[in-house]
Amino acid sequence: MKFYPKSIAFFQALGLALYVGLFAFLAIHIVPWFENNPATHPALGIILFLLAFVISAVISGSIILGYPIFLFFEGKRKDALKIVLWSVVWLLLLLGIFVVMALLSLPAKS
């Protein structure tokens, strides 16, 4: 079965969106643990944030760039570039969808 760069990029972008959603969900539910504990040192929060940021960047980069890098070293440079570019297109489309959803969920002004 042949997969096209556009569909591979779609699933990569969708996987990244799911990862970001899971990360946001966990971050929202972990923050209260530290806010309600007066013994937690502020430096711990900064360290956790930076470590989470770096690890998230590695995971995100792996999701979007892992397969295209493999293709690049296999000599399929055009396919690798197409997948990266289509991933950006799909991510922008998903961003637009989430922005519209956020705007639609705002309470109406009266």
C-alpha atoms as a PDB file:
ATOM      1  CA  MET A   1       0.000   0.000   0.000  1.00  0.00           C
ATOM      2  CA  LYS A   2       1.434   3.346  -1.058  1.00  0.00           C
ATOM      3  CA  PHE A   3       1.073   6.341   1.197  1.00  0.00           C
ATOM      4  CA  TYR A   4       1.324   9.811  -0.280  1.00  0.00           C
ATOM      5  CA  PRO A   5       3.304  12.646   1.316  1.00  0.00           C
ATOM      6  CA  LYS A   6       0.103  14.617   1.888  1.00  0.00           C
ATOM      7  CA  SER A   7      -1.507  11.798   3.899  1.00  0.00           C
ATOM      8  CA  ILE A   8       1.679  10.993   5.834  1.00  0.00           C
ATOM      9  CA  ALA A   9       1.981  14.671   6.752  1.00  0.00           C
ATOM     10  CA  PHE A  10      -1.670  14.758   7.825  1.00  0.00           C
ATOM     11  CA  PHE A  11      -1.189  11.884  10.251  1.00  0.00           C
ATOM     12  CA  GLN A  12       2.027  13.424  11.572  1.00  0.00           C
ATOM     13  CA  ALA A  13       0.270  16.756  12.165  1.00  0.00           C
ATOM     14  CA  LEU A  14      -2.686  14.985  13.759  1.00  0.00           C
ATOM     15  CA  GLY A  15      -0.327  13.025  16.011  1.00  0.00           C
ATOM     16  CA  LEU A  16       1.392  16.240  17.047  1.00  0.00           C
ATOM     17  CA  ALA A  17      -1.961  17.899  17.763  1.00  0.00           C
ATOM     18  CA  LEU A  18      -2.956  14.916  19.925  1.00  0.00           C
ATOM     19  CA  TYR A  19       0.377  15.078  21.754  1.00  0.00           C
ATOM     20  CA  VAL A  20      -0.021  18.820  22.388  1.00  0.00           C
ATOM     21  CA  GLY A  21      -3.581  18.244  23.615  1.00  0.00           C
ATOM     22  CA  LEU A  22      -2.436  15.505  25.986  1.00  0.00           C
ATOM     23  CA  PHE A  23       0.412  17.690  27.239  1.00  0.00           C
ATOM     24  CA  ALA A  24      -1.955  20.617  27.845  1.00  0.00           C
ATOM     25  CA  PHE A  25      -4.420  18.350  29.665  1.00  0.00           C
ATOM     26  CA  LEU A  26      -1.690  16.997  31.935  1.00  0.00           C
ATOM     27  CA  ALA A  27      -0.228  20.460  32.555  1.00  0.00           C
ATOM     28  CA  ILE A  28      -3.623  21.828  33.590  1.00  0.00           C
ATOM     29  CA  HIS A  29      -4.119  18.989  36.048  1.00  0.00           C
ATOM     30  CA  ILE A  30      -0.575  18.997  37.479  1.00  0.00           C
ATOM     31  CA  VAL A  31      -0.323  22.756  38.214  1.00  0.00           C
ATOM     32  CA  PRO A  32      -2.778  22.651  41.174  1.00  0.00           C
ATOM     33  CA  TRP A  33      -0.567  20.094  42.925  1.00  0.00           C
ATOM     34  CA  PHE A  34       2.234  22.642  43.115  1.00  0.00           C
ATOM     35  CA  GLU A  35       0.083  25.718  43.732  1.00  0.00           C
ATOM     36  CA  ASN A  36      -1.563  24.182  46.812  1.00  0.00           C
ATOM     37  CA  ASN A  37       1.719  23.117  48.396  1.00  0.00           C
ATOM     38  CA  PRO A  38       3.468  26.046  50.134  1.00  0.00           C
ATOM     39  CA  ALA A  39       6.609  23.941  50.646  1.00  0.00           C
ATOM     40  CA  THR A  40       7.308  23.791  46.887  1.00  0.00           C
ATOM     41  CA  HIS A  41      10.285  25.964  46.011  1.00  0.00           C
ATOM     42  CA  PRO A  42       9.769  28.307  43.003  1.00  0.00           C
ATOM     43  CA  ALA A  43      12.958  26.998  41.386  1.00  0.00           C
ATOM     44  CA  LEU A  44      11.347  23.564  41.133  1.00  0.00           C
ATOM     45  CA  GLY A  45       8.571  25.001  38.991  1.00  0.00           C
ATOM     46  CA  ILE A  46      11.063  26.686  36.678  1.00  0.00           C
ATOM     47  CA  ILE A  47      13.112  23.499  36.365  1.00  0.00           C
ATOM     48  CA  LEU A  48      10.030  21.412  35.629  1.00  0.00           C
ATOM     49  CA  PHE A  49       8.817  23.906  33.031  1.00  0.00           C
ATOM     50  CA  LEU A  50      12.159  24.031  31.214  1.00  0.00           C
ATOM     51  CA  LEU A  51      12.601  20.256  31.267  1.00  0.00           C
ATOM     52  CA  ALA A  52       9.055  19.759  29.980  1.00  0.00           C
ATOM     53  CA  PHE A  53       9.710  22.345  27.260  1.00  0.00           C
ATOM     54  CA  VAL A  54      12.912  20.663  26.061  1.00  0.00           C
ATOM     55  CA  ILE A  55      11.435  17.158  26.179  1.00  0.00           C
ATOM     56  CA  SER A  56       8.344  18.389  24.355  1.00  0.00           C
ATOM     57  CA  ALA A  57      10.506  19.970  21.646  1.00  0.00           C
ATOM     58  CA  VAL A  58      12.334  16.671  21.148  1.00  0.00           C
ATOM     59  CA  ILE A  59       9.087  14.704  20.955  1.00  0.00           C
ATOM     60  CA  SER A  60       7.498  17.244  18.589  1.00  0.00           C
ATOM     61  CA  GLY A  61      10.569  17.266  16.374  1.00  0.00           C
ATOM     62  CA  SER A  62      10.586  13.487  16.283  1.00  0.00           C
ATOM     63  CA  ILE A  63       6.918  13.326  15.308  1.00  0.00           C
ATOM     64  CA  ILE A  64       7.244  15.835  12.466  1.00  0.00           C
ATOM     65  CA  LEU A  65      10.833  15.303  11.296  1.00  0.00           C
ATOM     66  CA  GLY A  66      11.640  11.669  12.109  1.00  0.00           C
ATOM     67  CA  TYR A  67      10.264  10.033   8.974  1.00  0.00           C
ATOM     68  CA  PRO A  68      11.337  12.836   6.589  1.00  0.00           C
ATOM     69  CA  ILE A  69      14.909  12.590   7.918  1.00  0.00           C
ATOM     70  CA  PHE A  70      14.805   8.833   7.308  1.00  0.00           C
ATOM     71  CA  LEU A  71      13.585   9.441   3.745  1.00  0.00           C
ATOM     72  CA  PHE A  72      16.245  12.104   3.193  1.00  0.00           C
ATOM     73  CA  PHE A  73      19.031   9.677   4.043  1.00  0.00           C
ATOM     74  CA  GLU A  74      17.399   7.037   1.859  1.00  0.00           C
ATOM     75  CA  GLY A  75      17.839   9.435  -1.062  1.00  0.00           C
ATOM     76  CA  LYS A  76      14.163  10.415  -1.325  1.00  0.00           C
ATOM     77  CA  ARG A  77      14.782  14.099  -0.751  1.00  0.00           C
ATOM     78  CA  LYS A  78      11.738  15.358  -2.679  1.00  0.00           C
ATOM     79  CA  ASP A  79       9.357  13.163  -0.682  1.00  0.00           C
ATOM     80  CA  ALA A  80      11.009  14.260   2.559  1.00  0.00           C
ATOM     81  CA  LEU A  81      10.598  17.936   1.660  1.00  0.00           C
ATOM     82  CA  LYS A  82       6.985  17.408   0.555  1.00  0.00           C
ATOM     83  CA  ILE A  83       6.138  15.738   3.865  1.00  0.00           C
ATOM     84  CA  VAL A  84       7.697  18.553   5.898  1.00  0.00           C
ATOM     85  CA  LEU A  85       5.909  21.235   3.867  1.00  0.00           C
ATOM     86  CA  TRP A  86       2.567  19.412   3.989  1.00  0.00           C
ATOM     87  CA  SER A  87       3.020  18.951   7.740  1.00  0.00           C
ATOM     88  CA  VAL A  88       3.324  22.723   8.096  1.00  0.00           C
ATOM     89  CA  VAL A  89       0.198  23.206   5.964  1.00  0.00           C
ATOM     90  CA  TRP A  90      -1.792  20.688   8.023  1.00  0.00           C
ATOM     91  CA  LEU A  91      -0.559  22.205  11.294  1.00  0.00           C
ATOM     92  CA  LEU A  92      -1.629  25.670  10.142  1.00  0.00           C
ATOM     93  CA  LEU A  93      -5.030  24.289   9.188  1.00  0.00           C
ATOM     94  CA  LEU A  94      -5.385  22.598  12.588  1.00  0.00           C
ATOM     95  CA  LEU A  95      -4.317  25.839  14.283  1.00  0.00           C
ATOM     96  CA  GLY A  96      -7.016  27.695  12.356  1.00  0.00           C
ATOM     97  CA  ILE A  97      -9.618  25.139  13.401  1.00  0.00           C
ATOM     98  CA  PHE A  98      -8.654  25.466  17.066  1.00  0.00           C
ATOM     99  CA  VAL A  99      -8.660  29.269  16.877  1.00  0.00           C
ATOM    100  CA  VAL A 100     -12.181  29.199  15.424  1.00  0.00           C
ATOM    101  CA  MET A 101     -13.282  26.738  18.123  1.00  0.00           C
ATOM    102  CA  ALA A 102     -11.830  29.003  20.818  1.00  0.00           C
ATOM    103  CA  LEU A 103     -13.540  32.066  19.390  1.00  0.00           C
ATOM    104  CA  LEU A 104     -16.858  30.252  19.123  1.00  0.00           C
ATOM    105  CA  SER A 105     -16.625  29.148  22.753  1.00  0.00           C
ATOM    106  CA  LEU A 106     -16.309  32.736  24.044  1.00  0.00           C
ATOM    107  CA  PRO A 107     -19.349  33.854  26.000  1.00  0.00           C
ATOM    108  CA  ALA A 108     -21.654  36.208  24.125  1.00  0.00           C
ATOM    109  CA  LYS A 109     -21.551  39.859  25.174  1.00  0.00           C
ATOM    110  CA  SER A 110     -24.838  41.253  26.344  1.00  0.00           C
END
